[in-house]
Amino acid sequence: MKTARWGGALGMLLWCLAVGAEAKPPSSEATAEDKSQHKPGPVRVIVSKININEASKTDLMQLNGVSAGVAQKIIAYREAHGRFKRTQDLAKVDGVSKDVFEKNRGRITVK
């Protein structure tokens, strides 16, 4: 009777090991494939409008296409010629193309 119990227990153990061996962990290819299917969307940063008459160099650099040098030119133009009257006047600054103005049309303001 004891032999039958041990035989049953041993059979159950072997069966569990066999079933466990069949269930393979996901390969690195499957993991990479799963990750590629669940990419997060683009991150959107909400930025309030930037007043180009009062913006600092750091604030101006938040605009698309405005580097540190261009931001400094905007500030220098503002100091030399006075406040901007219209947002379109930004294109008068040397180094600021109309393309930069168009990219930031909804993000700049004058007050």
PDB file of N, CA and C in Angstrom:
ATOM      1  N   MET A   1       0.813  -1.183   0.000  1.00  0.00           N
ATOM      2  CA  MET A   1       0.000   0.000   0.000  1.00  0.00           C
ATOM      3  C   MET A   1       0.862   1.254   0.000  1.00  0.00           C
ATOM      4  N   LYS A   2       1.940   1.247   0.827  1.00  0.00           N
ATOM      5  CA  LYS A   2       2.823   2.388   0.874  1.00  0.00           C
ATOM      6  C   LYS A   2       3.518   2.588  -0.468  1.00  0.00           C
ATOM      7  N   THR A   3       3.843   1.502  -1.137  1.00  0.00           N
ATOM      8  CA  THR A   3       4.506   1.585  -2.427  1.00  0.00           C
ATOM      9  C   THR A   3       3.581   2.235  -3.444  1.00  0.00           C
ATOM     10  N   ALA A   4       2.317   1.962  -3.380  1.00  0.00           N
ATOM     11  CA  ALA A   4       1.346   2.551  -4.309  1.00  0.00           C
ATOM     12  C   ALA A   4       1.238   4.053  -4.068  1.00  0.00           C
ATOM     13  N   ARG A   5       1.242   4.461  -2.807  1.00  0.00           N
ATOM     14  CA  ARG A   5       1.182   5.896  -2.509  1.00  0.00           C
ATOM     15  C   ARG A   5       2.430   6.609  -3.019  1.00  0.00           C
ATOM     16  N   TRP A   6       3.586   5.999  -2.740  1.00  0.00           N
ATOM     17  CA  TRP A   6       4.823   6.621  -3.221  1.00  0.00           C
ATOM     18  C   TRP A   6       4.861   6.631  -4.743  1.00  0.00           C
ATOM     19  N   GLY A   7       4.388   5.632  -5.350  1.00  0.00           N
ATOM     20  CA  GLY A   7       4.351   5.570  -6.816  1.00  0.00           C
ATOM     21  C   GLY A   7       3.426   6.648  -7.376  1.00  0.00           C
ATOM     22  N   GLY A   8       2.285   6.829  -6.711  1.00  0.00           N
ATOM     23  CA  GLY A   8       1.338   7.874  -7.148  1.00  0.00           C
ATOM     24  C   GLY A   8       1.928   9.267  -6.964  1.00  0.00           C
ATOM     25  N   ALA A   9       2.601   9.452  -5.826  1.00  0.00           N
ATOM     26  CA  ALA A   9       3.216  10.750  -5.552  1.00  0.00           C
ATOM     27  C   ALA A   9       4.347  11.018  -6.539  1.00  0.00           C
ATOM     28  N   LEU A  10       5.146   9.995  -6.815  1.00  0.00           N
ATOM     29  CA  LEU A  10       6.239  10.149  -7.769  1.00  0.00           C
ATOM     30  C   LEU A  10       5.700  10.420  -9.169  1.00  0.00           C
ATOM     31  N   GLY A  11       4.629   9.737  -9.547  1.00  0.00           N
ATOM     32  CA  GLY A  11       4.004   9.963 -10.856  1.00  0.00           C
ATOM     33  C   GLY A  11       3.466  11.391 -10.969  1.00  0.00           C
ATOM     34  N   MET A  12       2.859  11.858  -9.901  1.00  0.00           N
ATOM     35  CA  MET A  12       2.327  13.228  -9.890  1.00  0.00           C
ATOM     36  C   MET A  12       3.457  14.243 -10.014  1.00  0.00           C
ATOM     37  N   LEU A  13       4.567  14.024  -9.321  1.00  0.00           N
ATOM     38  CA  LEU A  13       5.731  14.902  -9.375  1.00  0.00           C
ATOM     39  C   LEU A  13       6.300  14.943 -10.791  1.00  0.00           C
ATOM     40  N   LEU A  14       6.451  13.790 -11.411  1.00  0.00           N
ATOM     41  CA  LEU A  14       6.974  13.743 -12.779  1.00  0.00           C
ATOM     42  C   LEU A  14       6.032  14.436 -13.754  1.00  0.00           C
ATOM     43  N   TRP A  15       4.760  14.247 -13.558  1.00  0.00           N
ATOM     44  CA  TRP A  15       3.788  14.895 -14.439  1.00  0.00           C
ATOM     45  C   TRP A  15       3.882  16.419 -14.310  1.00  0.00           C
ATOM     46  N   CYS A  16       3.990  16.927 -13.072  1.00  0.00           N
ATOM     47  CA  CYS A  16       4.116  18.374 -12.854  1.00  0.00           C
ATOM     48  C   CYS A  16       5.387  18.918 -13.486  1.00  0.00           C
ATOM     49  N   LEU A  17       6.479  18.195 -13.363  1.00  0.00           N
ATOM     50  CA  LEU A  17       7.733  18.628 -13.973  1.00  0.00           C
ATOM     51  C   LEU A  17       7.626  18.642 -15.492  1.00  0.00           C
ATOM     52  N   ALA A  18       6.964  17.665 -16.055  1.00  0.00           N
ATOM     53  CA  ALA A  18       6.821  17.582 -17.514  1.00  0.00           C
ATOM     54  C   ALA A  18       5.956  18.728 -18.029  1.00  0.00           C
ATOM     55  N   VAL A  19       4.884  19.017 -17.333  1.00  0.00           N
ATOM     56  CA  VAL A  19       4.005  20.108 -17.738  1.00  0.00           C
ATOM     57  C   VAL A  19       4.731  21.446 -17.593  1.00  0.00           C
ATOM     58  N   GLY A  20       5.493  21.608 -16.531  1.00  0.00           N
ATOM     59  CA  GLY A  20       6.247  22.836 -16.311  1.00  0.00           C
ATOM     60  C   GLY A  20       7.324  23.035 -17.358  1.00  0.00           C
ATOM     61  N   ALA A  21       7.919  21.940 -17.851  1.00  0.00           N
ATOM     62  CA  ALA A  21       8.972  22.046 -18.857  1.00  0.00           C
ATOM     63  C   ALA A  21       8.402  22.488 -20.192  1.00  0.00           C
ATOM     64  N   GLU A  22       7.162  22.153 -20.479  1.00  0.00           N
ATOM     65  CA  GLU A  22       6.538  22.547 -21.742  1.00  0.00           C
ATOM     66  C   GLU A  22       6.220  24.036 -21.767  1.00  0.00           C
ATOM     67  N   ALA A  23       5.903  24.621 -20.630  1.00  0.00           N
ATOM     68  CA  ALA A  23       5.569  26.047 -20.573  1.00  0.00           C
ATOM     69  C   ALA A  23       6.868  26.832 -20.510  1.00  0.00           C
ATOM     70  N   LYS A  24       7.348  27.282 -21.682  1.00  0.00           N
ATOM     71  CA  LYS A  24       8.610  28.008 -21.764  1.00  0.00           C
ATOM     72  C   LYS A  24       8.378  29.484 -21.484  1.00  0.00           C
ATOM     73  N   PRO A  25       9.349  30.130 -20.834  1.00  0.00           N
ATOM     74  CA  PRO A  25       9.224  31.570 -20.654  1.00  0.00           C
ATOM     75  C   PRO A  25       9.338  32.264 -22.009  1.00  0.00           C
ATOM     76  N   PRO A  26       8.724  33.442 -22.169  1.00  0.00           N
ATOM     77  CA  PRO A  26       8.785  34.122 -23.454  1.00  0.00           C
ATOM     78  C   PRO A  26      10.226  34.460 -23.819  1.00  0.00           C
ATOM     79  N   SER A  27      10.539  34.273 -25.088  1.00  0.00           N
ATOM     80  CA  SER A  27      11.893  34.588 -25.546  1.00  0.00           C
ATOM     81  C   SER A  27      12.067  36.098 -25.624  1.00  0.00           C
ATOM     82  N   SER A  28      13.298  36.543 -25.787  1.00  0.00           N
ATOM     83  CA  SER A  28      13.565  37.982 -25.873  1.00  0.00           C
ATOM     84  C   SER A  28      12.921  38.578 -27.108  1.00  0.00           C
ATOM     85  N   GLU A  29      12.776  37.785 -28.184  1.00  0.00           N
ATOM     86  CA  GLU A  29      12.119  38.275 -29.396  1.00  0.00           C
ATOM     87  C   GLU A  29      10.650  38.568 -29.132  1.00  0.00           C
ATOM     88  N   ALA A  30       9.981  37.671 -28.423  1.00  0.00           N
ATOM     89  CA  ALA A  30       8.569  37.895 -28.124  1.00  0.00           C
ATOM     90  C   ALA A  30       8.406  39.094 -27.206  1.00  0.00           C
ATOM     91  N   THR A  31       9.313  39.245 -26.259  1.00  0.00           N
ATOM     92  CA  THR A  31       9.243  40.373 -25.346  1.00  0.00           C
ATOM     93  C   THR A  31       9.428  41.675 -26.106  1.00  0.00           C
ATOM     94  N   ALA A  32      10.396  41.728 -27.006  1.00  0.00           N
ATOM     95  CA  ALA A  32      10.631  42.937 -27.789  1.00  0.00           C
ATOM     96  C   ALA A  32       9.439  43.224 -28.692  1.00  0.00           C
ATOM     97  N   GLU A  33       8.857  42.156 -29.232  1.00  0.00           N
ATOM     98  CA  GLU A  33       7.684  42.330 -30.104  1.00  0.00           C
ATOM     99  C   GLU A  33       6.508  42.883 -29.315  1.00  0.00           C
ATOM    100  N   ASP A  34       6.307  42.366 -28.095  1.00  0.00           N
ATOM    101  CA  ASP A  34       5.224  42.863 -27.264  1.00  0.00           C
ATOM    102  C   ASP A  34       5.429  44.324 -26.912  1.00  0.00           C
ATOM    103  N   LYS A  35       6.674  44.692 -26.619  1.00  0.00           N
ATOM    104  CA  LYS A  35       6.962  46.077 -26.261  1.00  0.00           C
ATOM    105  C   LYS A  35       6.726  47.009 -27.434  1.00  0.00           C
ATOM    106  N   SER A  36       7.072  46.553 -28.639  1.00  0.00           N
ATOM    107  CA  SER A  36       6.906  47.423 -29.799  1.00  0.00           C
ATOM    108  C   SER A  36       5.433  47.658 -30.112  1.00  0.00           C
ATOM    109  N   GLN A  37       4.581  46.755 -29.715  1.00  0.00           N
ATOM    110  CA  GLN A  37       3.153  46.916 -29.963  1.00  0.00           C
ATOM    111  C   GLN A  37       2.508  47.862 -28.960  1.00  0.00           C
ATOM    112  N   HIS A  38       3.176  48.147 -27.876  1.00  0.00           N
ATOM    113  CA  HIS A  38       2.591  48.966 -26.820  1.00  0.00           C
ATOM    114  C   HIS A  38       3.404  50.221 -26.564  1.00  0.00           C
ATOM    115  N   LYS A  39       3.830  50.879 -27.625  1.00  0.00           N
ATOM    116  CA  LYS A  39       4.585  52.115 -27.472  1.00  0.00           C
ATOM    117  C   LYS A  39       3.638  53.235 -27.057  1.00  0.00           C
ATOM    118  N   PRO A  40       4.079  54.062 -26.134  1.00  0.00           N
ATOM    119  CA  PRO A  40       3.242  55.203 -25.762  1.00  0.00           C
ATOM    120  C   PRO A  40       3.232  56.229 -26.885  1.00  0.00           C
ATOM    121  N   GLY A  41       2.193  57.007 -26.944  1.00  0.00           N
ATOM    122  CA  GLY A  41       2.081  58.047 -27.959  1.00  0.00           C
ATOM    123  C   GLY A  41       3.019  59.199 -27.662  1.00  0.00           C
ATOM    124  N   PRO A  42       3.032  60.184 -28.538  1.00  0.00           N
ATOM    125  CA  PRO A  42       3.911  61.325 -28.312  1.00  0.00           C
ATOM    126  C   PRO A  42       3.507  62.101 -27.064  1.00  0.00           C
ATOM    127  N   VAL A  43       4.491  62.621 -26.411  1.00  0.00           N
ATOM    128  CA  VAL A  43       4.258  63.405 -25.207  1.00  0.00           C
ATOM    129  C   VAL A  43       3.989  64.838 -25.629  1.00  0.00           C
ATOM    130  N   ARG A  44       2.919  65.395 -25.160  1.00  0.00           N
ATOM    131  CA  ARG A  44       2.582  66.769 -25.484  1.00  0.00           C
ATOM    132  C   ARG A  44       2.769  67.631 -24.253  1.00  0.00           C
ATOM    133  N   VAL A  45       3.493  68.697 -24.433  1.00  0.00           N
ATOM    134  CA  VAL A  45       3.731  69.625 -23.343  1.00  0.00           C
ATOM    135  C   VAL A  45       2.875  70.856 -23.611  1.00  0.00           C
ATOM    136  N   ILE A  46       2.069  71.196 -22.640  1.00  0.00           N
ATOM    137  CA  ILE A  46       1.219  72.365 -22.789  1.00  0.00           C
ATOM    138  C   ILE A  46       1.993  73.577 -22.300  1.00  0.00           C
ATOM    139  N   VAL A  47       2.204  74.512 -23.210  1.00  0.00           N
ATOM    140  CA  VAL A  47       2.957  75.711 -22.881  1.00  0.00           C
ATOM    141  C   VAL A  47       2.046  76.900 -23.105  1.00  0.00           C
ATOM    142  N   SER A  48       2.033  77.798 -22.135  1.00  0.00           N
ATOM    143  CA  SER A  48       1.222  78.990 -22.305  1.00  0.00           C
ATOM    144  C   SER A  48       1.885  79.893 -23.335  1.00  0.00           C
ATOM    145  N   LYS A  49       1.163  80.885 -23.782  1.00  0.00           N
ATOM    146  CA  LYS A  49       1.712  81.807 -24.778  1.00  0.00           C
ATOM    147  C   LYS A  49       2.879  82.577 -24.182  1.00  0.00           C
ATOM    148  N   ILE A  50       3.832  82.883 -25.040  1.00  0.00           N
ATOM    149  CA  ILE A  50       5.030  83.596 -24.611  1.00  0.00           C
ATOM    150  C   ILE A  50       4.950  85.021 -25.128  1.00  0.00           C
ATOM    151  N   ASN A  51       4.999  85.959 -24.213  1.00  0.00           N
ATOM    152  CA  ASN A  51       4.982  87.374 -24.564  1.00  0.00           C
ATOM    153  C   ASN A  51       6.398  87.758 -24.972  1.00  0.00           C
ATOM    154  N   ILE A  52       6.600  88.000 -26.272  1.00  0.00           N
ATOM    155  CA  ILE A  52       7.959  88.268 -26.758  1.00  0.00           C
ATOM    156  C   ILE A  52       8.490  89.628 -26.307  1.00  0.00           C
ATOM    157  N   ASN A  53       7.642  90.469 -25.754  1.00  0.00           N
ATOM    158  CA  ASN A  53       8.109  91.755 -25.226  1.00  0.00           C
ATOM    159  C   ASN A  53       8.697  91.638 -23.823  1.00  0.00           C
ATOM    160  N   GLU A  54       8.377  90.579 -23.106  1.00  0.00           N
ATOM    161  CA  GLU A  54       8.836  90.430 -21.730  1.00  0.00           C
ATOM    162  C   GLU A  54       9.553  89.111 -21.467  1.00  0.00           C
ATOM    163  N   ALA A  55       9.622  88.249 -22.456  1.00  0.00           N
ATOM    164  CA  ALA A  55      10.181  86.916 -22.257  1.00  0.00           C
ATOM    165  C   ALA A  55      11.678  86.963 -22.022  1.00  0.00           C
ATOM    166  N   SER A  56      12.128  86.092 -21.144  1.00  0.00           N
ATOM    167  CA  SER A  56      13.566  85.945 -20.893  1.00  0.00           C
ATOM    168  C   SER A  56      14.169  85.068 -21.994  1.00  0.00           C
ATOM    169  N   LYS A  57      15.470  84.953 -21.961  1.00  0.00           N
ATOM    170  CA  LYS A  57      16.169  84.114 -22.938  1.00  0.00           C
ATOM    171  C   LYS A  57      15.676  82.675 -22.837  1.00  0.00           C
ATOM    172  N   THR A  58      15.517  82.175 -21.632  1.00  0.00           N
ATOM    173  CA  THR A  58      15.039  80.808 -21.410  1.00  0.00           C
ATOM    174  C   THR A  58      13.629  80.626 -21.948  1.00  0.00           C
ATOM    175  N   ASP A  59      12.770  81.616 -21.714  1.00  0.00           N
ATOM    176  CA  ASP A  59      11.393  81.542 -22.217  1.00  0.00           C
ATOM    177  C   ASP A  59      11.372  81.519 -23.737  1.00  0.00           C
ATOM    178  N   LEU A  60      12.172  82.354 -24.355  1.00  0.00           N
ATOM    179  CA  LEU A  60      12.204  82.415 -25.815  1.00  0.00           C
ATOM    180  C   LEU A  60      12.725  81.116 -26.423  1.00  0.00           C
ATOM    181  N   MET A  61      13.629  80.453 -25.716  1.00  0.00           N
ATOM    182  CA  MET A  61      14.187  79.198 -26.216  1.00  0.00           C
ATOM    183  C   MET A  61      13.172  78.059 -26.208  1.00  0.00           C
ATOM    184  N   GLN A  62      12.034  78.244 -25.568  1.00  0.00           N
ATOM    185  CA  GLN A  62      10.978  77.238 -25.590  1.00  0.00           C
ATOM    186  C   GLN A  62      10.238  77.233 -26.927  1.00  0.00           C
ATOM    187  N   LEU A  63      10.412  78.272 -27.707  1.00  0.00           N
ATOM    188  CA  LEU A  63       9.771  78.349 -29.017  1.00  0.00           C
ATOM    189  C   LEU A  63      10.501  77.439 -29.996  1.00  0.00           C
ATOM    190  N   ASN A  64       9.764  76.840 -30.915  1.00  0.00           N
ATOM    191  CA  ASN A  64      10.352  75.953 -31.923  1.00  0.00           C
ATOM    192  C   ASN A  64      11.290  76.735 -32.832  1.00  0.00           C
ATOM    193  N   GLY A  65      12.510  76.250 -32.993  1.00  0.00           N
ATOM    194  CA  GLY A  65      13.478  76.861 -33.884  1.00  0.00           C
ATOM    195  C   GLY A  65      14.248  78.020 -33.283  1.00  0.00           C
ATOM    196  N   VAL A  66      14.084  78.282 -31.990  1.00  0.00           N
ATOM    197  CA  VAL A  66      14.781  79.396 -31.350  1.00  0.00           C
ATOM    198  C   VAL A  66      15.878  78.835 -30.445  1.00  0.00           C
ATOM    199  N   SER A  67      17.123  79.076 -30.857  1.00  0.00           N
ATOM    200  CA  SER A  67      18.278  78.635 -30.070  1.00  0.00           C
ATOM    201  C   SER A  67      18.669  79.740 -29.098  1.00  0.00           C
ATOM    202  N   ALA A  68      19.716  79.500 -28.333  1.00  0.00           N
ATOM    203  CA  ALA A  68      20.186  80.503 -27.375  1.00  0.00           C
ATOM    204  C   ALA A  68      20.631  81.770 -28.096  1.00  0.00           C
ATOM    205  N   GLY A  69      21.312  81.595 -29.223  1.00  0.00           N
ATOM    206  CA  GLY A  69      21.774  82.750 -29.989  1.00  0.00           C
ATOM    207  C   GLY A  69      20.637  83.570 -30.569  1.00  0.00           C
ATOM    208  N   VAL A  70      19.630  82.891 -31.091  1.00  0.00           N
ATOM    209  CA  VAL A  70      18.473  83.593 -31.664  1.00  0.00           C
ATOM    210  C   VAL A  70      17.695  84.298 -30.556  1.00  0.00           C
ATOM    211  N   ALA A  71      17.564  83.651 -29.414  1.00  0.00           N
ATOM    212  CA  ALA A  71      16.869  84.276 -28.294  1.00  0.00           C
ATOM    213  C   ALA A  71      17.589  85.558 -27.876  1.00  0.00           C
ATOM    214  N   GLN A  72      18.914  85.519 -27.865  1.00  0.00           N
ATOM    215  CA  GLN A  72      19.685  86.708 -27.513  1.00  0.00           C
ATOM    216  C   GLN A  72      19.485  87.810 -28.551  1.00  0.00           C
ATOM    217  N   LYS A  73      19.381  87.449 -29.829  1.00  0.00           N
ATOM    218  CA  LYS A  73      19.146  88.436 -30.891  1.00  0.00           C
ATOM    219  C   LYS A  73      17.766  89.081 -30.738  1.00  0.00           C
ATOM    220  N   ILE A  74      16.779  88.290 -30.334  1.00  0.00           N
ATOM    221  CA  ILE A  74      15.425  88.833 -30.118  1.00  0.00           C
ATOM    222  C   ILE A  74      15.460  89.859 -28.992  1.00  0.00           C
ATOM    223  N   ILE A  75      16.147  89.528 -27.923  1.00  0.00           N
ATOM    224  CA  ILE A  75      16.245  90.448 -26.778  1.00  0.00           C
ATOM    225  C   ILE A  75      17.004  91.715 -27.189  1.00  0.00           C
ATOM    226  N   ALA A  76      18.092  91.560 -27.938  1.00  0.00           N
ATOM    227  CA  ALA A  76      18.870  92.720 -28.386  1.00  0.00           C
ATOM    228  C   ALA A  76      18.031  93.604 -29.304  1.00  0.00           C
ATOM    229  N   TYR A  77      17.262  93.009 -30.199  1.00  0.00           N
ATOM    230  CA  TYR A  77      16.396  93.779 -31.098  1.00  0.00           C
ATOM    231  C   TYR A  77      15.352  94.549 -30.294  1.00  0.00           C
ATOM    232  N   ARG A  78      14.778  93.876 -29.317  1.00  0.00           N
ATOM    233  CA  ARG A  78      13.765  94.486 -28.464  1.00  0.00           C
ATOM    234  C   ARG A  78      14.348  95.673 -27.691  1.00  0.00           C
ATOM    235  N   GLU A  79      15.554  95.539 -27.204  1.00  0.00           N
ATOM    236  CA  GLU A  79      16.193  96.630 -26.462  1.00  0.00           C
ATOM    237  C   GLU A  79      16.566  97.792 -27.376  1.00  0.00           C
ATOM    238  N   ALA A  80      16.958  97.486 -28.613  1.00  0.00           N
ATOM    239  CA  ALA A  80      17.374  98.534 -29.552  1.00  0.00           C
ATOM    240  C   ALA A  80      16.198  99.262 -30.202  1.00  0.00           C
ATOM    241  N   HIS A  81      15.117  98.546 -30.497  1.00  0.00           N
ATOM    242  CA  HIS A  81      14.002  99.114 -31.251  1.00  0.00           C
ATOM    243  C   HIS A  81      12.724  99.307 -30.443  1.00  0.00           C
ATOM    244  N   GLY A  82      12.725  98.898 -29.228  1.00  0.00           N
ATOM    245  CA  GLY A  82      11.523  99.009 -28.406  1.00  0.00           C
ATOM    246  C   GLY A  82      10.658  97.766 -28.512  1.00  0.00           C
ATOM    247  N   ARG A  83       9.521  97.831 -27.872  1.00  0.00           N
ATOM    248  CA  ARG A  83       8.607  96.702 -27.801  1.00  0.00           C
ATOM    249  C   ARG A  83       8.070  96.330 -29.180  1.00  0.00           C
ATOM    250  N   PHE A  84       7.797  95.039 -29.351  1.00  0.00           N
ATOM    251  CA  PHE A  84       7.157  94.573 -30.578  1.00  0.00           C
ATOM    252  C   PHE A  84       5.704  95.020 -30.553  1.00  0.00           C
ATOM    253  N   LYS A  85       5.211  95.518 -31.696  1.00  0.00           N
ATOM    254  CA  LYS A  85       3.813  95.952 -31.763  1.00  0.00           C
ATOM    255  C   LYS A  85       2.901  94.816 -32.206  1.00  0.00           C
ATOM    256  N   ARG A  86       3.422  93.937 -33.061  1.00  0.00           N
ATOM    257  CA  ARG A  86       2.661  92.791 -33.563  1.00  0.00           C
ATOM    258  C   ARG A  86       3.530  91.545 -33.469  1.00  0.00           C
ATOM    259  N   THR A  87       2.909  90.414 -33.406  1.00  0.00           N
ATOM    260  CA  THR A  87       3.687  89.168 -33.353  1.00  0.00           C
ATOM    261  C   THR A  87       4.492  88.977 -34.643  1.00  0.00           C
ATOM    262  N   GLN A  88       3.969  89.475 -35.758  1.00  0.00           N
ATOM    263  CA  GLN A  88       4.655  89.342 -37.039  1.00  0.00           C
ATOM    264  C   GLN A  88       5.982  90.103 -37.056  1.00  0.00           C
ATOM    265  N   ASP A  89       6.139  91.098 -36.181  1.00  0.00           N
ATOM    266  CA  ASP A  89       7.380  91.875 -36.112  1.00  0.00           C
ATOM    267  C   ASP A  89       8.570  91.016 -35.696  1.00  0.00           C
ATOM    268  N   LEU A  90       8.299  89.857 -35.142  1.00  0.00           N
ATOM    269  CA  LEU A  90       9.376  88.946 -34.758  1.00  0.00           C
ATOM    270  C   LEU A  90      10.226  88.566 -35.975  1.00  0.00           C
ATOM    271  N   ALA A  91       9.612  88.510 -37.142  1.00  0.00           N
ATOM    272  CA  ALA A  91      10.336  88.152 -38.365  1.00  0.00           C
ATOM    273  C   ALA A  91      11.332  89.234 -38.785  1.00  0.00           C
ATOM    274  N   LYS A  92      11.252  90.418 -38.207  1.00  0.00           N
ATOM    275  CA  LYS A  92      12.200  91.489 -38.517  1.00  0.00           C
ATOM    276  C   LYS A  92      13.562  91.268 -37.867  1.00  0.00           C
ATOM    277  N   VAL A  93      13.606  90.406 -36.873  1.00  0.00           N
ATOM    278  CA  VAL A  93      14.854  90.142 -36.153  1.00  0.00           C
ATOM    279  C   VAL A  93      15.771  89.313 -37.045  1.00  0.00           C
ATOM    280  N   ASP A  94      17.039  89.757 -37.162  1.00  0.00           N
ATOM    281  CA  ASP A  94      18.029  89.029 -37.953  1.00  0.00           C
ATOM    282  C   ASP A  94      18.233  87.643 -37.346  1.00  0.00           C
ATOM    283  N   GLY A  95      18.072  86.611 -38.149  1.00  0.00           N
ATOM    284  CA  GLY A  95      18.235  85.239 -37.660  1.00  0.00           C
ATOM    285  C   GLY A  95      16.911  84.550 -37.366  1.00  0.00           C
ATOM    286  N   VAL A  96      15.813  85.294 -37.401  1.00  0.00           N
ATOM    287  CA  VAL A  96      14.492  84.701 -37.189  1.00  0.00           C
ATOM    288  C   VAL A  96      13.781  84.690 -38.541  1.00  0.00           C
ATOM    289  N   SER A  97      13.562  83.520 -39.059  1.00  0.00           N
ATOM    290  CA  SER A  97      12.912  83.420 -40.358  1.00  0.00           C
ATOM    291  C   SER A  97      11.397  83.432 -40.194  1.00  0.00           C
ATOM    292  N   LYS A  98      10.719  83.625 -41.297  1.00  0.00           N
ATOM    293  CA  LYS A  98       9.250  83.573 -41.266  1.00  0.00           C
ATOM    294  C   LYS A  98       8.792  82.176 -40.896  1.00  0.00           C
ATOM    295  N   ASP A  99       9.624  81.188 -41.201  1.00  0.00           N
ATOM    296  CA  ASP A  99       9.299  79.810 -40.852  1.00  0.00           C
ATOM    297  C   ASP A  99       9.204  79.641 -39.333  1.00  0.00           C
ATOM    298  N   VAL A 100      10.126  80.258 -38.605  1.00  0.00           N
ATOM    299  CA  VAL A 100      10.089  80.199 -37.134  1.00  0.00           C
ATOM    300  C   VAL A 100       8.812  80.849 -36.630  1.00  0.00           C
ATOM    301  N   PHE A 101       8.449  81.978 -37.233  1.00  0.00           N
ATOM    302  CA  PHE A 101       7.203  82.640 -36.837  1.00  0.00           C
ATOM    303  C   PHE A 101       6.001  81.743 -37.112  1.00  0.00           C
ATOM    304  N   GLU A 102       5.971  81.101 -38.274  1.00  0.00           N
ATOM    305  CA  GLU A 102       4.838  80.243 -38.638  1.00  0.00           C
ATOM    306  C   GLU A 102       4.724  79.038 -37.698  1.00  0.00           C
ATOM    307  N   LYS A 103       5.856  78.439 -37.316  1.00  0.00           N
ATOM    308  CA  LYS A 103       5.839  77.300 -36.412  1.00  0.00           C
ATOM    309  C   LYS A 103       5.266  77.650 -35.034  1.00  0.00           C
ATOM    310  N   ASN A 104       5.426  78.910 -34.648  1.00  0.00           N
ATOM    311  CA  ASN A 104       5.045  79.343 -33.307  1.00  0.00           C
ATOM    312  C   ASN A 104       3.874  80.310 -33.301  1.00  0.00           C
ATOM    313  N   ARG A 105       3.163  80.394 -34.393  1.00  0.00           N
ATOM    314  CA  ARG A 105       2.104  81.387 -34.552  1.00  0.00           C
ATOM    315  C   ARG A 105       1.142  81.431 -33.374  1.00  0.00           C
ATOM    316  N   GLY A 106       0.663  80.321 -32.910  1.00  0.00           N
ATOM    317  CA  GLY A 106      -0.296  80.288 -31.805  1.00  0.00           C
ATOM    318  C   GLY A 106       0.325  80.357 -30.429  1.00  0.00           C
ATOM    319  N   ARG A 107       1.656  80.362 -30.371  1.00  0.00           N
ATOM    320  CA  ARG A 107       2.336  80.307 -29.070  1.00  0.00           C
ATOM    321  C   ARG A 107       2.929  81.640 -28.646  1.00  0.00           C
ATOM    322  N   ILE A 108       2.935  82.628 -29.544  1.00  0.00           N
ATOM    323  CA  ILE A 108       3.540  83.907 -29.168  1.00  0.00           C
ATOM    324  C   ILE A 108       2.477  84.997 -29.094  1.00  0.00           C
ATOM    325  N   THR A 109       2.738  85.967 -28.268  1.00  0.00           N
ATOM    326  CA  THR A 109       1.832  87.094 -28.102  1.00  0.00           C
ATOM    327  C   THR A 109       2.652  88.340 -27.780  1.00  0.00           C
ATOM    328  N   VAL A 110       2.023  89.490 -27.957  1.00  0.00           N
ATOM    329  CA  VAL A 110       2.637  90.754 -27.528  1.00  0.00           C
ATOM    330  C   VAL A 110       1.658  91.456 -26.620  1.00  0.00           C
ATOM    331  N   LYS A 111       2.150  92.000 -25.540  1.00  0.00           N
ATOM    332  CA  LYS A 111       1.301  92.733 -24.589  1.00  0.00           C
ATOM    333  C   LYS A 111       1.968  94.031 -24.230  1.00  0.00           C
TER     334      LYS A 111
END
